[in-house]
C-alpha atoms as a PDB file:
ATOM      1  CA  UNK A   1      36.078 -36.523  16.041  1.00  0.00           C
ATOM      2  CA  UNK A   2      33.866 -34.768  13.517  1.00  0.00           C
ATOM      3  CA  UNK A   3      32.669 -31.705  15.400  1.00  0.00           C
ATOM      4  CA  UNK A   4      31.987 -28.154  14.233  1.00  0.00           C
ATOM      5  CA  UNK A   5      32.251 -24.764  15.906  1.00  0.00           C
ATOM      6  CA  UNK A   6      29.542 -23.784  18.334  1.00  0.00           C
ATOM      7  CA  UNK A   7      28.800 -20.336  16.961  1.00  0.00           C
ATOM      8  CA  UNK A   8      26.580 -20.685  13.852  1.00  0.00           C
ATOM      9  CA  UNK A   9      27.432 -24.355  13.552  1.00  0.00           C
ATOM     10  CA  UNK A  10      27.869 -25.287   9.870  1.00  0.00           C
ATOM     11  CA  UNK A  11      25.758 -27.923   8.111  1.00  0.00           C
ATOM     12  CA  UNK A  12      27.586 -31.240   8.056  1.00  0.00           C
ATOM     13  CA  UNK A  13      27.726 -32.721   4.552  1.00  0.00           C
ATOM     14  CA  UNK A  14      28.794 -36.377   4.466  1.00  0.00           C
ATOM     15  CA  UNK A  15      28.098 -38.314   1.280  1.00  0.00           C
ATOM     16  CA  UNK A  16      30.856 -40.877   1.264  1.00  0.00           C
ATOM     17  CA  UNK A  17      30.040 -44.439   0.199  1.00  0.00           C
ATOM     18  CA  UNK A  18      30.310 -45.941   3.678  1.00  0.00           C
ATOM     19  CA  UNK A  19      28.704 -43.094   5.635  1.00  0.00           C
ATOM     20  CA  UNK A  20      25.337 -44.792   6.482  1.00  0.00           C
ATOM     21  CA  UNK A  21      26.846 -48.157   7.440  1.00  0.00           C
ATOM     22  CA  UNK A  22      29.571 -46.471   9.470  1.00  0.00           C
ATOM     23  CA  UNK A  23      27.079 -44.302  11.303  1.00  0.00           C
ATOM     24  CA  UNK A  24      25.027 -47.297  12.271  1.00  0.00           C
ATOM     25  CA  UNK A  25      28.129 -49.072  13.558  1.00  0.00           C
ATOM     26  CA  UNK A  26      29.243 -46.060  15.572  1.00  0.00           C
ATOM     27  CA  UNK A  27      25.720 -45.682  17.040  1.00  0.00           C
ATOM     28  CA  UNK A  28      25.901 -49.323  18.068  1.00  0.00           C
ATOM     29  CA  UNK A  29      29.288 -49.004  19.668  1.00  0.00           C
ATOM     30  CA  UNK A  30      28.703 -45.719  21.591  1.00  0.00           C
ATOM     31  CA  UNK A  31      26.248 -47.021  24.241  1.00  0.00           C
ATOM     32  CA  UNK A  32      28.403 -50.109  24.746  1.00  0.00           C
ATOM     33  CA  UNK A  33      31.575 -48.223  25.674  1.00  0.00           C
ATOM     34  CA  UNK A  34      32.442 -48.231  29.415  1.00  0.00           C
ATOM     35  CA  UNK A  35      31.468 -45.069  31.334  1.00  0.00           C
ATOM     36  CA  UNK A  36      35.108 -44.295  32.067  1.00  0.00           C
ATOM     37  CA  UNK A  37      35.991 -43.906  28.349  1.00  0.00           C
ATOM     38  CA  UNK A  38      35.974 -40.212  27.381  1.00  0.00           C
ATOM     39  CA  UNK A  39      36.116 -38.415  23.992  1.00  0.00           C
ATOM     40  CA  UNK A  40      39.604 -37.062  24.783  1.00  0.00           C
ATOM     41  CA  UNK A  41      40.857 -40.563  25.518  1.00  0.00           C
ATOM     42  CA  UNK A  42      39.481 -41.664  22.123  1.00  0.00           C
ATOM     43  CA  UNK A  43      41.257 -38.711  20.450  1.00  0.00           C
ATOM     44  CA  UNK A  44      44.489 -39.861  22.099  1.00  0.00           C
ATOM     45  CA  UNK A  45      43.808 -43.420  20.960  1.00  0.00           C
ATOM     46  CA  UNK A  46      43.310 -42.239  17.390  1.00  0.00           C
ATOM     47  CA  UNK A  47      46.679 -40.477  17.525  1.00  0.00           C
ATOM     48  CA  UNK A  48      48.285 -43.591  18.971  1.00  0.00           C
ATOM     49  CA  UNK A  49      46.901 -45.486  16.003  1.00  0.00           C
ATOM     50  CA  UNK A  50      48.705 -43.039  13.696  1.00  0.00           C
ATOM     51  CA  UNK A  51      51.986 -43.619  15.621  1.00  0.00           C
ATOM     52  CA  UNK A  52      51.478 -47.427  15.229  1.00  0.00           C
ATOM     53  CA  UNK A  53      50.962 -46.980  11.479  1.00  0.00           C
ATOM     54  CA  UNK A  54      54.088 -44.855  11.117  1.00  0.00           C
ATOM     55  CA  UNK A  55      56.104 -47.367  13.193  1.00  0.00           C
ATOM     56  CA  UNK A  56      55.023 -50.253  10.930  1.00  0.00           C
ATOM     57  CA  UNK A  57      56.145 -48.426   7.761  1.00  0.00           C
ATOM     58  CA  UNK A  58      59.481 -47.525   9.291  1.00  0.00           C
ATOM     59  CA  UNK A  59      60.076 -51.060  10.569  1.00  0.00           C
ATOM     60  CA  UNK A  60      59.335 -52.448   7.070  1.00  0.00           C
ATOM     61  CA  UNK A  61      62.962 -51.639   6.284  1.00  0.00           C
ATOM     62  CA  UNK A  62      63.838 -54.543   8.616  1.00  0.00           C
ATOM     63  CA  UNK A  63      61.118 -56.953   7.488  1.00  0.00           C
ATOM     64  CA  UNK A  64      58.054 -56.534   5.289  1.00  0.00           C
ATOM     65  CA  UNK A  65      56.045 -58.464   7.885  1.00  0.00           C
ATOM     66  CA  UNK A  66      56.002 -55.298  10.015  1.00  0.00           C
ATOM     67  CA  UNK A  67      53.471 -53.889   7.506  1.00  0.00           C
ATOM     68  CA  UNK A  68      50.928 -55.933   9.374  1.00  0.00           C
ATOM     69  CA  UNK A  69      51.423 -53.476  12.251  1.00  0.00           C
ATOM     70  CA  UNK A  70      50.252 -50.689   9.935  1.00  0.00           C
ATOM     71  CA  UNK A  71      46.955 -52.479   9.267  1.00  0.00           C
ATOM     72  CA  UNK A  72      46.330 -52.777  13.015  1.00  0.00           C
ATOM     73  CA  UNK A  73      47.256 -49.097  13.430  1.00  0.00           C
ATOM     74  CA  UNK A  74      44.742 -48.008  10.828  1.00  0.00           C
ATOM     75  CA  UNK A  75      41.988 -49.797  12.712  1.00  0.00           C
ATOM     76  CA  UNK A  76      42.952 -48.197  16.030  1.00  0.00           C
ATOM     77  CA  UNK A  77      43.202 -44.810  14.328  1.00  0.00           C
ATOM     78  CA  UNK A  78      39.694 -45.243  12.815  1.00  0.00           C
ATOM     79  CA  UNK A  79      38.225 -46.387  16.146  1.00  0.00           C
ATOM     80  CA  UNK A  80      39.581 -43.381  18.056  1.00  0.00           C
ATOM     81  CA  UNK A  81      39.107 -40.708  15.442  1.00  0.00           C
ATOM     82  CA  UNK A  82      35.577 -41.783  14.451  1.00  0.00           C
ATOM     83  CA  UNK A  83      34.264 -42.374  17.965  1.00  0.00           C
ATOM     84  CA  UNK A  84      35.528 -39.390  19.937  1.00  0.00           C
ATOM     85  CA  UNK A  85      33.043 -36.929  18.468  1.00  0.00           C
ATOM     86  CA  UNK A  86      30.321 -39.568  18.155  1.00  0.00           C
ATOM     87  CA  UNK A  87      30.625 -40.468  21.828  1.00  0.00           C
ATOM     88  CA  UNK A  88      30.479 -36.786  22.850  1.00  0.00           C
ATOM     89  CA  UNK A  89      27.258 -36.296  20.911  1.00  0.00           C
ATOM     90  CA  UNK A  90      25.788 -39.548  22.128  1.00  0.00           C
ATOM     91  CA  UNK A  91      26.346 -38.585  25.785  1.00  0.00           C
ATOM     92  CA  UNK A  92      25.474 -34.932  25.039  1.00  0.00           C
ATOM     93  CA  UNK A  93      28.696 -33.661  26.504  1.00  0.00           C
ATOM     94  CA  UNK A  94      29.910 -31.815  23.401  1.00  0.00           C
ATOM     95  CA  UNK A  95      32.406 -29.019  23.694  1.00  0.00           C
ATOM     96  CA  UNK A  96      32.147 -27.970  20.028  1.00  0.00           C
ATOM     97  CA  UNK A  97      34.864 -25.299  19.841  1.00  0.00           C
ATOM     98  CA  UNK A  98      37.302 -27.269  21.957  1.00  0.00           C
ATOM     99  CA  UNK A  99      36.542 -30.547  20.133  1.00  0.00           C
ATOM    100  CA  UNK A 100      36.785 -28.928  16.711  1.00  0.00           C
ATOM    101  CA  UNK A 101      40.141 -27.347  17.471  1.00  0.00           C
ATOM    102  CA  UNK A 102      41.670 -30.334  19.231  1.00  0.00           C
ATOM    103  CA  UNK A 103      40.414 -32.918  16.758  1.00  0.00           C
ATOM    104  CA  UNK A 104      41.706 -31.221  13.615  1.00  0.00           C
ATOM    105  CA  UNK A 105      44.976 -30.232  15.224  1.00  0.00           C
ATOM    106  CA  UNK A 106      45.628 -33.817  16.218  1.00  0.00           C
ATOM    107  CA  UNK A 107      44.366 -35.154  12.862  1.00  0.00           C
ATOM    108  CA  UNK A 108      46.849 -32.948  11.011  1.00  0.00           C
ATOM    109  CA  UNK A 109      49.822 -34.325  12.931  1.00  0.00           C
ATOM    110  CA  UNK A 110      48.545 -37.861  12.636  1.00  0.00           C
ATOM    111  CA  UNK A 111      48.120 -37.543   8.843  1.00  0.00           C
ATOM    112  CA  UNK A 112      51.593 -36.082   8.480  1.00  0.00           C
ATOM    113  CA  UNK A 113      53.016 -39.007  10.546  1.00  0.00           C
ATOM    114  CA  UNK A 114      51.228 -41.738   8.609  1.00  0.00           C
ATOM    115  CA  UNK A 115      51.756 -40.469   5.044  1.00  0.00           C
ATOM    116  CA  UNK A 116      55.216 -39.171   5.839  1.00  0.00           C
ATOM    117  CA  UNK A 117      56.142 -42.626   7.178  1.00  0.00           C
ATOM    118  CA  UNK A 118      54.994 -44.219   3.881  1.00  0.00           C
ATOM    119  CA  UNK A 119      57.465 -41.876   2.170  1.00  0.00           C
ATOM    120  CA  UNK A 120      60.166 -42.978   4.607  1.00  0.00           C
ATOM    121  CA  UNK A 121      59.483 -46.638   3.831  1.00  0.00           C
ATOM    122  CA  UNK A 122      61.143 -48.632   1.052  1.00  0.00           C
ATOM    123  CA  UNK A 123      57.989 -48.416  -1.057  1.00  0.00           C
ATOM    124  CA  UNK A 124      57.531 -44.700  -1.752  1.00  0.00           C
ATOM    125  CA  UNK A 125      59.686 -41.647  -2.227  1.00  0.00           C
ATOM    126  CA  UNK A 126      59.493 -39.018   0.561  1.00  0.00           C
ATOM    127  CA  UNK A 127      58.948 -36.142  -1.863  1.00  0.00           C
ATOM    128  CA  UNK A 128      56.067 -37.964  -3.547  1.00  0.00           C
ATOM    129  CA  UNK A 129      54.493 -38.710  -0.128  1.00  0.00           C
ATOM    130  CA  UNK A 130      54.741 -35.076   0.769  1.00  0.00           C
ATOM    131  CA  UNK A 131      52.941 -34.193  -2.474  1.00  0.00           C
ATOM    132  CA  UNK A 132      50.003 -36.306  -1.311  1.00  0.00           C
ATOM    133  CA  UNK A 133      50.145 -34.658   2.176  1.00  0.00           C
ATOM    134  CA  UNK A 134      50.115 -31.202   0.606  1.00  0.00           C
ATOM    135  CA  UNK A 135      47.098 -32.106  -1.526  1.00  0.00           C
ATOM    136  CA  UNK A 136      45.251 -33.455   1.513  1.00  0.00           C
ATOM    137  CA  UNK A 137      46.060 -30.417   3.614  1.00  0.00           C
ATOM    138  CA  UNK A 138      44.955 -27.993   0.806  1.00  0.00           C
ATOM    139  CA  UNK A 139      41.605 -29.703   0.562  1.00  0.00           C
ATOM    140  CA  UNK A 140      41.318 -29.617   4.405  1.00  0.00           C
ATOM    141  CA  UNK A 141      42.022 -25.934   4.424  1.00  0.00           C
ATOM    142  CA  UNK A 142      39.268 -25.393   1.917  1.00  0.00           C
ATOM    143  CA  UNK A 143      36.891 -27.421   4.083  1.00  0.00           C
ATOM    144  CA  UNK A 144      37.664 -25.305   7.169  1.00  0.00           C
ATOM    145  CA  UNK A 145      37.303 -22.045   5.239  1.00  0.00           C
ATOM    146  CA  UNK A 146      34.051 -23.100   3.666  1.00  0.00           C
ATOM    147  CA  UNK A 147      32.669 -24.017   7.098  1.00  0.00           C
ATOM    148  CA  UNK A 148      33.317 -20.396   8.102  1.00  0.00           C
ATOM    149  CA  UNK A 149      32.227 -18.491   5.052  1.00  0.00           C
ATOM    150  CA  UNK A 150      29.304 -20.518   3.623  1.00  0.00           C
ATOM    151  CA  UNK A 151      28.301 -22.584   6.661  1.00  0.00           C
ATOM    152  CA  UNK A 152      28.984 -26.001   5.091  1.00  0.00           C
ATOM    153  CA  UNK A 153      31.352 -28.495   6.645  1.00  0.00           C
ATOM    154  CA  UNK A 154      32.031 -31.091   3.966  1.00  0.00           C
ATOM    155  CA  UNK A 155      33.351 -34.426   5.217  1.00  0.00           C
ATOM    156  CA  UNK A 156      33.603 -36.157   1.890  1.00  0.00           C
ATOM    157  CA  UNK A 157      34.620 -35.453  -1.747  1.00  0.00           C
ATOM    158  CA  UNK A 158      33.924 -37.647  -4.769  1.00  0.00           C
ATOM    159  CA  UNK A 159      31.979 -40.086  -2.491  1.00  0.00           C
ATOM    160  CA  UNK A 160      35.137 -40.585  -0.420  1.00  0.00           C
ATOM    161  CA  UNK A 161      35.946 -39.588   3.162  1.00  0.00           C
ATOM    162  CA  UNK A 162      38.494 -40.408   5.860  1.00  0.00           C
ATOM    163  CA  UNK A 163      37.226 -44.004   6.237  1.00  0.00           C
ATOM    164  CA  UNK A 164      37.510 -44.708   2.524  1.00  0.00           C
ATOM    165  CA  UNK A 165      40.985 -43.126   2.542  1.00  0.00           C
ATOM    166  CA  UNK A 166      42.077 -45.456   5.349  1.00  0.00           C
ATOM    167  CA  UNK A 167      40.763 -48.499   3.504  1.00  0.00           C
ATOM    168  CA  UNK A 168      42.586 -47.373   0.360  1.00  0.00           C
ATOM    169  CA  UNK A 169      45.844 -47.041   2.335  1.00  0.00           C
ATOM    170  CA  UNK A 170      45.264 -50.402   3.943  1.00  0.00           C
ATOM    171  CA  UNK A 171      44.791 -51.974   0.522  1.00  0.00           C
ATOM    172  CA  UNK A 172      47.941 -50.323  -0.717  1.00  0.00           C
ATOM    173  CA  UNK A 173      49.835 -51.605   2.367  1.00  0.00           C
ATOM    174  CA  UNK A 174      48.680 -55.196   1.637  1.00  0.00           C
ATOM    175  CA  UNK A 175      49.980 -54.846  -1.923  1.00  0.00           C
ATOM    176  CA  UNK A 176      53.378 -53.514  -0.890  1.00  0.00           C
ATOM    177  CA  UNK A 177      55.108 -56.821  -0.298  1.00  0.00           C
ATOM    178  CA  UNK A 178      53.427 -58.281  -3.369  1.00  0.00           C
ATOM    179  CA  UNK A 179      54.249 -55.475  -5.826  1.00  0.00           C
ATOM    180  CA  UNK A 180      57.620 -54.652  -4.225  1.00  0.00           C
ATOM    181  CA  UNK A 181      59.829 -51.634  -4.554  1.00  0.00           C
ATOM    182  CA  UNK A 182      60.768 -51.919  -8.230  1.00  0.00           C
ATOM    183  CA  UNK A 183      60.825 -48.867 -10.419  1.00  0.00           C
ATOM    184  CA  UNK A 184      58.320 -48.633 -13.322  1.00  0.00           C
ATOM    185  CA  UNK A 185      59.888 -48.600 -16.743  1.00  0.00           C
ATOM    186  CA  UNK A 186      63.111 -47.094 -15.512  1.00  0.00           C
ATOM    187  CA  UNK A 187      61.206 -43.956 -14.417  1.00  0.00           C
ATOM    188  CA  UNK A 188      62.735 -43.690 -10.954  1.00  0.00           C
ATOM    189  CA  UNK A 189      59.254 -44.058  -9.540  1.00  0.00           C
ATOM    190  CA  UNK A 190      57.685 -47.157  -7.918  1.00  0.00           C
ATOM    191  CA  UNK A 191      54.115 -48.218  -8.659  1.00  0.00           C
ATOM    192  CA  UNK A 192      53.181 -46.633  -5.293  1.00  0.00           C
ATOM    193  CA  UNK A 193      54.868 -43.396  -6.207  1.00  0.00           C
ATOM    194  CA  UNK A 194      52.820 -43.149  -9.369  1.00  0.00           C
ATOM    195  CA  UNK A 195      49.628 -43.961  -7.448  1.00  0.00           C
ATOM    196  CA  UNK A 196      50.409 -41.260  -4.878  1.00  0.00           C
ATOM    197  CA  UNK A 197      51.106 -38.742  -7.657  1.00  0.00           C
ATOM    198  CA  UNK A 198      47.732 -39.446  -9.195  1.00  0.00           C
ATOM    199  CA  UNK A 199      46.002 -39.113  -5.779  1.00  0.00           C
ATOM    200  CA  UNK A 200      47.838 -35.864  -5.070  1.00  0.00           C
ATOM    201  CA  UNK A 201      46.847 -34.508  -8.460  1.00  0.00           C
ATOM    202  CA  UNK A 202      43.197 -35.309  -7.794  1.00  0.00           C
ATOM    203  CA  UNK A 203      43.312 -33.650  -4.372  1.00  0.00           C
ATOM    204  CA  UNK A 204      44.966 -30.472  -5.708  1.00  0.00           C
ATOM    205  CA  UNK A 205      42.546 -30.320  -8.654  1.00  0.00           C
ATOM    206  CA  UNK A 206      39.579 -30.693  -6.196  1.00  0.00           C
ATOM    207  CA  UNK A 207      40.993 -27.899  -4.085  1.00  0.00           C
ATOM    208  CA  UNK A 208      41.310 -25.579  -7.083  1.00  0.00           C
ATOM    209  CA  UNK A 209      37.832 -26.384  -8.445  1.00  0.00           C
ATOM    210  CA  UNK A 210      36.091 -26.144  -5.039  1.00  0.00           C
ATOM    211  CA  UNK A 211      37.898 -22.882  -4.250  1.00  0.00           C
ATOM    212  CA  UNK A 212      36.988 -21.285  -7.562  1.00  0.00           C
ATOM    213  CA  UNK A 213      33.379 -22.403  -7.240  1.00  0.00           C
ATOM    214  CA  UNK A 214      33.118 -21.062  -3.688  1.00  0.00           C
ATOM    215  CA  UNK A 215      34.741 -17.742  -4.624  1.00  0.00           C
ATOM    216  CA  UNK A 216      32.270 -17.320  -7.545  1.00  0.00           C
ATOM    217  CA  UNK A 217      29.348 -18.063  -5.304  1.00  0.00           C
ATOM    218  CA  UNK A 218      30.416 -15.614  -2.673  1.00  0.00           C
ATOM    219  CA  UNK A 219      31.002 -12.914  -5.272  1.00  0.00           C
ATOM    220  CA  UNK A 220      27.533 -13.544  -6.771  1.00  0.00           C
ATOM    221  CA  UNK A 221      25.998 -13.196  -3.321  1.00  0.00           C
ATOM    222  CA  UNK A 222      27.925  -9.954  -2.758  1.00  0.00           C
ATOM    223  CA  UNK A 223      29.566 -11.326   0.355  1.00  0.00           C
END
């Protein structure tokens, strides 16, 4: 659900690569959903997708074929998370403050589950996975603060948004049984650890740069 607070609703900024195509797809799906489907049910479905993803990574200790469950989970997570707010707006039954609060609260837990489970799998260290989670949460915090203080709710950074992130994680999951769990050059880190460290570094850097730029702008405006 990508809703914003009712009072002085911020301007939504979404410039990710797949934004236009995804919006057309969501607009096509919304009128075709049964009348009994509600936004809250879709939010629950999105969270269920996160649980499925986490289960697949944990079960990969038993057999790498369980990683296929993760791929299905990402699709379920996208469907629920992308359509809950879209359906509410399509039917004009928005509850902006409630939706905003519930959506991002559930998203935070879902993200922690999915990325944390990657760190609990054979393919990535838990501490490295948490570095990526911290970077993601820092950038999310900046987004929520900016929505309040400058009236802009940014849904994408560097032409990437939640959908692109899911696709990246799905591609990484496909590569897991191919690349394996081997350590790179005796470093103690797998290839997936190094990838996550790079991603975490980018997220933290974006948080710092965006925070500094926003603080300077607010100071220049005397706010």
